[in-house]
PDB file of N, CA and C in Angstrom:
ATOM      1  N   UNK A   1     -19.948 -17.228 -56.299  1.00  0.00           N
ATOM      2  CA  UNK A   1     -21.045 -16.448 -55.689  1.00  0.00           C
ATOM      3  C   UNK A   1     -21.787 -17.307 -54.764  1.00  0.00           C
ATOM      4  N   UNK A   2     -22.002 -16.795 -53.551  1.00  0.00           N
ATOM      5  CA  UNK A   2     -22.739 -17.523 -52.540  1.00  0.00           C
ATOM      6  C   UNK A   2     -24.080 -16.916 -52.307  1.00  0.00           C
ATOM      7  N   UNK A   3     -25.134 -17.709 -52.125  1.00  0.00           N
ATOM      8  CA  UNK A   3     -26.384 -17.170 -51.897  1.00  0.00           C
ATOM      9  C   UNK A   3     -26.659 -17.275 -50.332  1.00  0.00           C
ATOM     10  N   UNK A   4     -27.137 -16.246 -49.717  1.00  0.00           N
ATOM     11  CA  UNK A   4     -27.358 -16.149 -48.356  1.00  0.00           C
ATOM     12  C   UNK A   4     -28.872 -16.257 -48.144  1.00  0.00           C
ATOM     13  N   UNK A   5     -29.263 -17.237 -47.278  1.00  0.00           N
ATOM     14  CA  UNK A   5     -30.708 -17.485 -46.945  1.00  0.00           C
ATOM     15  C   UNK A   5     -30.870 -17.379 -45.427  1.00  0.00           C
ATOM     16  N   UNK A   6     -32.112 -17.019 -45.006  1.00  0.00           N
ATOM     17  CA  UNK A   6     -32.476 -17.078 -43.612  1.00  0.00           C
ATOM     18  C   UNK A   6     -32.763 -18.489 -43.134  1.00  0.00           C
ATOM     19  N   UNK A   7     -33.181 -18.622 -41.884  1.00  0.00           N
ATOM     20  CA  UNK A   7     -33.510 -19.906 -41.335  1.00  0.00           C
ATOM     21  C   UNK A   7     -34.628 -20.623 -42.080  1.00  0.00           C
ATOM     22  N   UNK A   8     -35.509 -19.826 -42.693  1.00  0.00           N
ATOM     23  CA  UNK A   8     -36.678 -20.413 -43.360  1.00  0.00           C
ATOM     24  C   UNK A   8     -36.399 -20.617 -44.864  1.00  0.00           C
ATOM     25  N   UNK A   9     -35.104 -20.424 -45.256  1.00  0.00           N
ATOM     26  CA  UNK A   9     -34.809 -20.622 -46.696  1.00  0.00           C
ATOM     27  C   UNK A   9     -35.103 -19.420 -47.568  1.00  0.00           C
ATOM     28  N   UNK A  10     -35.462 -18.333 -47.063  1.00  0.00           N
ATOM     29  CA  UNK A  10     -35.756 -17.152 -47.868  1.00  0.00           C
ATOM     30  C   UNK A  10     -34.495 -16.490 -48.318  1.00  0.00           C
ATOM     31  N   UNK A  11     -34.494 -16.089 -49.596  1.00  0.00           N
ATOM     32  CA  UNK A  11     -33.293 -15.458 -50.151  1.00  0.00           C
ATOM     33  C   UNK A  11     -33.010 -14.130 -49.463  1.00  0.00           C
ATOM     34  N   UNK A  12     -31.759 -13.836 -49.128  1.00  0.00           N
ATOM     35  CA  UNK A  12     -31.459 -12.607 -48.444  1.00  0.00           C
ATOM     36  C   UNK A  12     -30.379 -11.841 -49.235  1.00  0.00           C
ATOM     37  N   UNK A  13     -29.648 -12.448 -50.055  1.00  0.00           N
ATOM     38  CA  UNK A  13     -28.630 -11.745 -50.822  1.00  0.00           C
ATOM     39  C   UNK A  13     -27.575 -12.638 -51.429  1.00  0.00           C
ATOM     40  N   UNK A  14     -26.636 -12.077 -52.129  1.00  0.00           N
ATOM     41  CA  UNK A  14     -25.501 -12.852 -52.687  1.00  0.00           C
ATOM     42  C   UNK A  14     -24.175 -12.150 -52.263  1.00  0.00           C
ATOM     43  N   UNK A  15     -23.182 -12.978 -52.020  1.00  0.00           N
ATOM     44  CA  UNK A  15     -21.869 -12.447 -51.661  1.00  0.00           C
ATOM     45  C   UNK A  15     -20.838 -13.263 -52.494  1.00  0.00           C
ATOM     46  N   UNK A  16     -19.629 -12.614 -52.691  1.00  0.00           N
ATOM     47  CA  UNK A  16     -18.603 -13.284 -53.468  1.00  0.00           C
ATOM     48  C   UNK A  16     -17.724 -14.187 -52.729  1.00  0.00           C
ATOM     49  N   UNK A  17     -17.639 -14.064 -51.339  1.00  0.00           N
ATOM     50  CA  UNK A  17     -16.784 -14.883 -50.567  1.00  0.00           C
ATOM     51  C   UNK A  17     -17.499 -15.500 -49.418  1.00  0.00           C
ATOM     52  N   UNK A  18     -17.172 -16.722 -49.008  1.00  0.00           N
ATOM     53  CA  UNK A  18     -17.860 -17.327 -47.906  1.00  0.00           C
ATOM     54  C   UNK A  18     -17.656 -16.557 -46.603  1.00  0.00           C
ATOM     55  N   UNK A  19     -16.514 -15.895 -46.400  1.00  0.00           N
ATOM     56  CA  UNK A  19     -16.283 -15.057 -45.247  1.00  0.00           C
ATOM     57  C   UNK A  19     -17.281 -13.960 -45.149  1.00  0.00           C
ATOM     58  N   UNK A  20     -17.608 -13.313 -46.306  1.00  0.00           N
ATOM     59  CA  UNK A  20     -18.525 -12.229 -46.336  1.00  0.00           C
ATOM     60  C   UNK A  20     -19.913 -12.750 -46.051  1.00  0.00           C
ATOM     61  N   UNK A  21     -20.262 -13.955 -46.482  1.00  0.00           N
ATOM     62  CA  UNK A  21     -21.546 -14.546 -46.139  1.00  0.00           C
ATOM     63  C   UNK A  21     -21.659 -14.703 -44.658  1.00  0.00           C
ATOM     64  N   UNK A  22     -20.618 -15.209 -43.982  1.00  0.00           N
ATOM     65  CA  UNK A  22     -20.611 -15.402 -42.535  1.00  0.00           C
ATOM     66  C   UNK A  22     -20.805 -14.057 -41.800  1.00  0.00           C
ATOM     67  N   UNK A  23     -20.126 -13.047 -42.304  1.00  0.00           N
ATOM     68  CA  UNK A  23     -20.199 -11.745 -41.656  1.00  0.00           C
ATOM     69  C   UNK A  23     -21.591 -11.184 -41.805  1.00  0.00           C
ATOM     70  N   UNK A  24     -22.164 -11.435 -43.003  1.00  0.00           N
ATOM     71  CA  UNK A  24     -23.591 -10.956 -43.249  1.00  0.00           C
ATOM     72  C   UNK A  24     -24.529 -11.551 -42.341  1.00  0.00           C
ATOM     73  N   UNK A  25     -24.447 -12.925 -42.228  1.00  0.00           N
ATOM     74  CA  UNK A  25     -25.364 -13.699 -41.402  1.00  0.00           C
ATOM     75  C   UNK A  25     -25.201 -13.316 -39.936  1.00  0.00           C
ATOM     76  N   UNK A  26     -23.951 -13.156 -39.442  1.00  0.00           N
ATOM     77  CA  UNK A  26     -23.680 -12.792 -38.072  1.00  0.00           C
ATOM     78  C   UNK A  26     -24.293 -11.456 -37.774  1.00  0.00           C
ATOM     79  N   UNK A  27     -24.159 -10.479 -38.611  1.00  0.00           N
ATOM     80  CA  UNK A  27     -24.679  -9.134 -38.375  1.00  0.00           C
ATOM     81  C   UNK A  27     -26.236  -9.252 -38.417  1.00  0.00           C
ATOM     82  N   UNK A  28     -26.896 -10.065 -39.232  1.00  0.00           N
ATOM     83  CA  UNK A  28     -28.247 -10.194 -39.313  1.00  0.00           C
ATOM     84  C   UNK A  28     -28.826 -10.910 -38.056  1.00  0.00           C
ATOM     85  N   UNK A  29     -28.162 -11.905 -37.586  1.00  0.00           N
ATOM     86  CA  UNK A  29     -28.606 -12.562 -36.364  1.00  0.00           C
ATOM     87  C   UNK A  29     -28.496 -11.670 -35.140  1.00  0.00           C
ATOM     88  N   UNK A  30     -27.429 -10.913 -35.097  1.00  0.00           N
ATOM     89  CA  UNK A  30     -27.289  -9.942 -33.955  1.00  0.00           C
ATOM     90  C   UNK A  30     -28.454  -8.908 -34.030  1.00  0.00           C
ATOM     91  N   UNK A  31     -28.788  -8.448 -35.230  1.00  0.00           N
ATOM     92  CA  UNK A  31     -29.843  -7.461 -35.322  1.00  0.00           C
ATOM     93  C   UNK A  31     -31.202  -8.148 -34.947  1.00  0.00           C
ATOM     94  N   UNK A  32     -31.421  -9.405 -35.310  1.00  0.00           N
ATOM     95  CA  UNK A  32     -32.602 -10.087 -34.912  1.00  0.00           C
ATOM     96  C   UNK A  32     -32.704 -10.239 -33.375  1.00  0.00           C
ATOM     97  N   UNK A  33     -31.552 -10.565 -32.794  1.00  0.00           N
ATOM     98  CA  UNK A  33     -31.612 -10.736 -31.310  1.00  0.00           C
ATOM     99  C   UNK A  33     -31.979  -9.494 -30.625  1.00  0.00           C
ATOM    100  N   UNK A  34     -31.471  -8.316 -31.119  1.00  0.00           N
ATOM    101  CA  UNK A  34     -31.723  -7.023 -30.517  1.00  0.00           C
ATOM    102  C   UNK A  34     -33.248  -6.659 -30.593  1.00  0.00           C
ATOM    103  N   UNK A  35     -33.903  -7.222 -31.610  1.00  0.00           N
ATOM    104  CA  UNK A  35     -35.367  -6.997 -31.704  1.00  0.00           C
ATOM    105  C   UNK A  35     -36.094  -7.642 -30.545  1.00  0.00           C
ATOM    106  N   UNK A  36     -35.576  -8.709 -30.043  1.00  0.00           N
ATOM    107  CA  UNK A  36     -36.180  -9.551 -28.947  1.00  0.00           C
ATOM    108  C   UNK A  36     -35.932  -8.923 -27.608  1.00  0.00           C
ATOM    109  N   UNK A  37     -34.936  -8.083 -27.554  1.00  0.00           N
ATOM    110  CA  UNK A  37     -34.494  -7.546 -26.183  1.00  0.00           C
ATOM    111  C   UNK A  37     -35.578  -6.560 -25.611  1.00  0.00           C
TER     112      UNK A  37
END
């Protein structure tokens, strides 16, 4: 089980595979970037 945290170390969720953690973080960062547009 992998714990996913944001840049400030805040807990965001858990995933079973590192690939899923990477997908989760990529989707989150894309969503954050769209907020700045």
